[in-house]
N, C-alpha and C. Protein backbone atom coordinates (compact mmCIF):
# COMPACT_ATOMS: atom_id res chain seq x y z
N MET A 1 -41.46 -30.85 21.67
CA MET A 1 -42.59 -31.75 21.50
C MET A 1 -42.62 -32.74 22.65
N ASN A 2 -43.80 -33.04 23.16
CA ASN A 2 -43.99 -34.02 24.21
C ASN A 2 -43.58 -35.39 23.69
N ASP A 3 -42.76 -36.11 24.46
CA ASP A 3 -42.31 -37.44 24.04
C ASP A 3 -43.47 -38.38 23.78
N ASN A 4 -44.56 -38.22 24.51
CA ASN A 4 -45.73 -39.08 24.31
C ASN A 4 -46.41 -38.83 22.97
N LEU A 5 -46.14 -37.69 22.35
CA LEU A 5 -46.77 -37.35 21.08
C LEU A 5 -45.82 -37.52 19.91
N ALA A 6 -44.68 -38.13 20.14
CA ALA A 6 -43.67 -38.26 19.09
C ALA A 6 -44.17 -39.07 17.90
N CYS A 7 -45.19 -39.89 18.11
CA CYS A 7 -45.69 -40.75 17.03
C CYS A 7 -46.53 -39.99 16.02
N CYS A 8 -47.08 -38.87 16.41
CA CYS A 8 -47.96 -38.13 15.50
C CYS A 8 -48.01 -36.66 15.91
N GLU A 9 -48.51 -35.85 15.00
CA GLU A 9 -48.61 -34.41 15.27
C GLU A 9 -49.99 -34.02 15.78
N ARG A 10 -50.99 -34.86 15.50
CA ARG A 10 -52.36 -34.52 15.88
C ARG A 10 -52.62 -34.84 17.33
N THR A 11 -53.43 -34.02 17.96
CA THR A 11 -53.85 -34.26 19.34
C THR A 11 -55.34 -33.97 19.44
N LYS A 12 -55.93 -34.35 20.57
CA LYS A 12 -57.33 -34.05 20.82
C LYS A 12 -57.47 -33.63 22.27
N ASN A 13 -58.09 -32.50 22.48
CA ASN A 13 -58.40 -32.06 23.84
C ASN A 13 -59.67 -32.78 24.27
N ARG A 14 -59.53 -33.64 25.28
CA ARG A 14 -60.67 -34.40 25.77
C ARG A 14 -61.25 -33.75 27.01
N SER A 15 -62.55 -33.87 27.16
CA SER A 15 -63.18 -33.40 28.39
C SER A 15 -62.72 -34.29 29.53
N ASN A 16 -62.91 -33.82 30.75
CA ASN A 16 -62.54 -34.63 31.91
C ASN A 16 -63.29 -35.96 31.91
N ALA A 17 -64.55 -35.95 31.51
CA ALA A 17 -65.35 -37.18 31.48
C ALA A 17 -64.80 -38.16 30.44
N GLU A 18 -64.46 -37.66 29.24
CA GLU A 18 -63.89 -38.52 28.20
C GLU A 18 -62.58 -39.12 28.68
N TYR A 19 -61.71 -38.27 29.20
CA TYR A 19 -60.40 -38.70 29.68
C TYR A 19 -60.54 -39.76 30.77
N THR A 20 -61.38 -39.49 31.73
CA THR A 20 -61.56 -40.40 32.86
C THR A 20 -62.09 -41.75 32.41
N ALA A 21 -63.07 -41.74 31.51
CA ALA A 21 -63.65 -43.00 31.02
C ALA A 21 -62.59 -43.85 30.32
N LEU A 22 -61.78 -43.22 29.48
CA LEU A 22 -60.76 -43.96 28.75
C LEU A 22 -59.65 -44.47 29.67
N ILE A 23 -59.18 -43.62 30.57
CA ILE A 23 -58.11 -44.00 31.48
C ILE A 23 -58.57 -45.12 32.42
N ASN A 24 -59.81 -45.05 32.90
CA ASN A 24 -60.33 -46.10 33.77
C ASN A 24 -60.35 -47.45 33.04
N ARG A 25 -60.79 -47.44 31.79
CA ARG A 25 -60.79 -48.69 31.01
C ARG A 25 -59.38 -49.21 30.83
N LEU A 26 -58.44 -48.32 30.48
CA LEU A 26 -57.06 -48.75 30.28
C LEU A 26 -56.44 -49.28 31.57
N ASN A 27 -56.75 -48.66 32.69
CA ASN A 27 -56.24 -49.15 33.97
C ASN A 27 -56.74 -50.55 34.27
N ARG A 28 -58.02 -50.81 33.97
CA ARG A 28 -58.56 -52.16 34.18
C ARG A 28 -57.87 -53.17 33.26
N ILE A 29 -57.66 -52.78 32.01
CA ILE A 29 -56.98 -53.67 31.05
C ILE A 29 -55.56 -53.95 31.52
N GLU A 30 -54.88 -52.92 31.97
CA GLU A 30 -53.52 -53.08 32.47
C GLU A 30 -53.48 -54.07 33.64
N GLY A 31 -54.45 -53.97 34.52
CA GLY A 31 -54.55 -54.90 35.65
C GLY A 31 -54.81 -56.32 35.18
N GLN A 32 -55.67 -56.46 34.17
CA GLN A 32 -55.95 -57.78 33.64
C GLN A 32 -54.69 -58.40 33.02
N ILE A 33 -53.92 -57.60 32.29
CA ILE A 33 -52.69 -58.08 31.68
C ILE A 33 -51.70 -58.53 32.76
N ARG A 34 -51.57 -57.73 33.81
CA ARG A 34 -50.69 -58.13 34.92
C ARG A 34 -51.17 -59.43 35.55
N GLY A 35 -52.49 -59.59 35.62
CA GLY A 35 -53.04 -60.83 36.17
C GLY A 35 -52.70 -62.03 35.30
N ILE A 36 -52.79 -61.87 34.00
CA ILE A 36 -52.43 -62.96 33.08
C ILE A 36 -50.94 -63.27 33.20
N LYS A 37 -50.12 -62.25 33.29
CA LYS A 37 -48.68 -62.48 33.46
C LYS A 37 -48.43 -63.29 34.73
N GLY A 38 -49.11 -62.93 35.79
CA GLY A 38 -48.97 -63.67 37.04
C GLY A 38 -49.42 -65.12 36.90
N MET A 39 -50.47 -65.33 36.14
CA MET A 39 -50.95 -66.69 35.90
C MET A 39 -49.88 -67.51 35.19
N VAL A 40 -49.25 -66.92 34.17
CA VAL A 40 -48.18 -67.62 33.44
C VAL A 40 -47.01 -67.90 34.38
N GLU A 41 -46.63 -66.88 35.15
CA GLU A 41 -45.51 -67.04 36.09
C GLU A 41 -45.79 -68.13 37.13
N ASN A 42 -47.07 -68.31 37.47
CA ASN A 42 -47.45 -69.29 38.49
C ASN A 42 -47.92 -70.61 37.87
N SER A 43 -47.65 -70.78 36.58
CA SER A 43 -47.96 -72.03 35.88
C SER A 43 -49.44 -72.39 35.92
N ALA A 44 -50.31 -71.38 35.76
CA ALA A 44 -51.75 -71.65 35.73
C ALA A 44 -52.09 -72.52 34.52
N TYR A 45 -53.21 -73.16 34.61
CA TYR A 45 -53.67 -74.07 33.55
C TYR A 45 -54.00 -73.25 32.29
N CYS A 46 -53.66 -73.83 31.14
CA CYS A 46 -53.76 -73.13 29.84
C CYS A 46 -55.15 -72.52 29.60
N THR A 47 -56.19 -73.31 29.77
CA THR A 47 -57.53 -72.79 29.44
C THR A 47 -57.93 -71.66 30.39
N ASP A 48 -57.46 -71.70 31.62
CA ASP A 48 -57.75 -70.61 32.55
C ASP A 48 -57.12 -69.31 32.05
N ILE A 49 -55.90 -69.41 31.53
CA ILE A 49 -55.22 -68.23 30.98
C ILE A 49 -55.95 -67.74 29.73
N LEU A 50 -56.36 -68.68 28.89
CA LEU A 50 -57.07 -68.30 27.66
C LEU A 50 -58.38 -67.58 27.96
N VAL A 51 -59.08 -68.01 28.99
CA VAL A 51 -60.32 -67.33 29.37
C VAL A 51 -60.03 -65.89 29.79
N GLN A 52 -58.96 -65.71 30.55
CA GLN A 52 -58.60 -64.35 30.97
C GLN A 52 -58.13 -63.51 29.79
N ALA A 53 -57.41 -64.13 28.85
CA ALA A 53 -56.98 -63.41 27.65
C ALA A 53 -58.19 -62.96 26.84
N GLN A 54 -59.20 -63.79 26.77
CA GLN A 54 -60.42 -63.39 26.06
C GLN A 54 -61.10 -62.22 26.76
N ALA A 55 -61.05 -62.21 28.08
CA ALA A 55 -61.61 -61.09 28.84
C ALA A 55 -60.88 -59.79 28.50
N VAL A 56 -59.56 -59.88 28.31
CA VAL A 56 -58.79 -58.70 27.91
C VAL A 56 -59.20 -58.25 26.51
N ASN A 57 -59.38 -59.20 25.60
CA ASN A 57 -59.85 -58.84 24.25
C ASN A 57 -61.19 -58.13 24.32
N ALA A 58 -62.09 -58.61 25.14
CA ALA A 58 -63.40 -57.97 25.28
C ALA A 58 -63.24 -56.56 25.86
N ALA A 59 -62.35 -56.41 26.82
CA ALA A 59 -62.11 -55.09 27.42
C ALA A 59 -61.51 -54.13 26.40
N LEU A 60 -60.59 -54.61 25.57
CA LEU A 60 -60.02 -53.77 24.52
C LEU A 60 -61.08 -53.37 23.50
N ASN A 61 -61.97 -54.30 23.18
CA ASN A 61 -63.06 -53.97 22.26
C ASN A 61 -63.97 -52.90 22.86
N ALA A 62 -64.24 -53.00 24.15
CA ALA A 62 -65.06 -51.98 24.82
C ALA A 62 -64.35 -50.63 24.81
N PHE A 63 -63.04 -50.63 25.03
CA PHE A 63 -62.25 -49.40 24.95
C PHE A 63 -62.36 -48.80 23.54
N ASN A 64 -62.19 -49.63 22.52
CA ASN A 64 -62.28 -49.15 21.14
C ASN A 64 -63.66 -48.58 20.83
N ARG A 65 -64.71 -49.24 21.32
CA ARG A 65 -66.07 -48.73 21.09
C ARG A 65 -66.25 -47.36 21.75
N GLU A 66 -65.75 -47.23 22.97
CA GLU A 66 -65.85 -45.95 23.68
C GLU A 66 -65.10 -44.85 22.94
N LEU A 67 -63.87 -45.14 22.53
CA LEU A 67 -63.06 -44.16 21.83
C LEU A 67 -63.69 -43.80 20.48
N LEU A 68 -64.18 -44.80 19.77
CA LEU A 68 -64.83 -44.56 18.48
C LEU A 68 -66.08 -43.69 18.66
N SER A 69 -66.85 -43.99 19.66
CA SER A 69 -68.05 -43.19 19.94
C SER A 69 -67.69 -41.74 20.23
N GLN A 70 -66.68 -41.53 21.06
CA GLN A 70 -66.23 -40.17 21.37
C GLN A 70 -65.74 -39.47 20.11
N HIS A 71 -65.00 -40.20 19.27
CA HIS A 71 -64.46 -39.61 18.05
C HIS A 71 -65.59 -39.14 17.12
N ILE A 72 -66.58 -39.98 16.95
CA ILE A 72 -67.70 -39.64 16.07
C ILE A 72 -68.47 -38.44 16.63
N LYS A 73 -68.74 -38.46 17.93
CA LYS A 73 -69.54 -37.40 18.55
C LYS A 73 -68.81 -36.06 18.62
N THR A 74 -67.50 -36.08 18.59
CA THR A 74 -66.75 -34.83 18.72
C THR A 74 -66.04 -34.48 17.41
N CYS A 75 -64.99 -35.17 17.10
CA CYS A 75 -64.15 -34.83 15.94
C CYS A 75 -64.93 -34.87 14.62
N VAL A 76 -65.62 -35.97 14.38
CA VAL A 76 -66.34 -36.12 13.11
C VAL A 76 -67.50 -35.14 13.03
N ALA A 77 -68.26 -35.03 14.11
CA ALA A 77 -69.41 -34.11 14.11
C ALA A 77 -68.98 -32.67 13.91
N THR A 78 -67.91 -32.25 14.57
CA THR A 78 -67.41 -30.89 14.42
C THR A 78 -66.97 -30.63 12.98
N ASP A 79 -66.29 -31.59 12.39
CA ASP A 79 -65.83 -31.48 11.01
C ASP A 79 -67.02 -31.34 10.05
N LEU A 80 -68.04 -32.16 10.26
CA LEU A 80 -69.23 -32.08 9.39
C LEU A 80 -69.94 -30.74 9.54
N LYS A 81 -70.06 -30.26 10.77
CA LYS A 81 -70.71 -28.97 11.00
C LYS A 81 -69.96 -27.83 10.32
N ALA A 82 -68.64 -28.01 10.17
CA ALA A 82 -67.81 -27.00 9.51
C ALA A 82 -67.85 -27.16 7.99
N GLY A 83 -68.61 -28.15 7.51
CA GLY A 83 -68.76 -28.33 6.07
C GLY A 83 -67.69 -29.20 5.42
N SER A 84 -66.92 -29.90 6.22
CA SER A 84 -65.85 -30.75 5.69
C SER A 84 -66.21 -32.22 5.90
N THR A 85 -65.69 -33.06 5.02
CA THR A 85 -65.89 -34.50 5.19
C THR A 85 -64.56 -35.23 5.40
N ASP A 86 -63.51 -34.49 5.67
CA ASP A 86 -62.19 -35.10 5.85
C ASP A 86 -62.21 -36.14 6.98
N LYS A 87 -62.84 -35.82 8.10
CA LYS A 87 -62.87 -36.75 9.23
C LYS A 87 -63.74 -37.97 8.93
N VAL A 88 -64.75 -37.81 8.11
CA VAL A 88 -65.57 -38.96 7.70
C VAL A 88 -64.72 -39.89 6.86
N ASP A 89 -63.99 -39.34 5.91
CA ASP A 89 -63.11 -40.16 5.07
C ASP A 89 -62.07 -40.88 5.94
N GLU A 90 -61.50 -40.16 6.89
CA GLU A 90 -60.52 -40.75 7.80
C GLU A 90 -61.16 -41.87 8.62
N LEU A 91 -62.39 -41.65 9.08
CA LEU A 91 -63.10 -42.65 9.86
C LEU A 91 -63.36 -43.91 9.04
N VAL A 92 -63.76 -43.74 7.80
CA VAL A 92 -63.99 -44.89 6.93
C VAL A 92 -62.70 -45.69 6.76
N ASP A 93 -61.59 -45.01 6.53
CA ASP A 93 -60.30 -45.69 6.41
C ASP A 93 -59.93 -46.42 7.70
N THR A 94 -60.18 -45.79 8.83
CA THR A 94 -59.88 -46.40 10.12
C THR A 94 -60.74 -47.64 10.34
N LEU A 95 -62.02 -47.55 10.01
CA LEU A 95 -62.92 -48.70 10.18
C LEU A 95 -62.49 -49.87 9.30
N LYS A 96 -62.00 -49.57 8.11
CA LYS A 96 -61.49 -50.63 7.23
C LYS A 96 -60.35 -51.38 7.92
N LYS A 97 -59.47 -50.65 8.58
CA LYS A 97 -58.35 -51.26 9.30
C LYS A 97 -58.83 -52.07 10.50
N LEU A 98 -59.80 -51.52 11.22
CA LEU A 98 -60.29 -52.19 12.43
C LEU A 98 -61.09 -53.45 12.13
N LEU A 99 -61.72 -53.48 10.98
CA LEU A 99 -62.61 -54.58 10.66
C LEU A 99 -61.99 -55.65 9.78
N LYS A 100 -60.68 -55.68 9.70
CA LYS A 100 -60.00 -56.70 8.92
C LYS A 100 -60.15 -58.06 9.54
């Protein structure tokens, strides 16, 4: 088993476009986090750091929206076309967790 998949058994084959969109967003978020770390290391002013942290939250929300959109358009839609509602039930449970 791939070490990156040790947390779960399920996987999803993503198109190159899906993969690229998600990885690009994560790379930007990673850069923003490194920037915030640098701000802390360089004793930047608190509110300046907080503004950047909020930008990271917004970027994570955008990542979640993109991933959710892809999930609905692919996994959920395929499941419904096959006559199953398992992915819809899973999506509802996931949304409950995300919207706490």
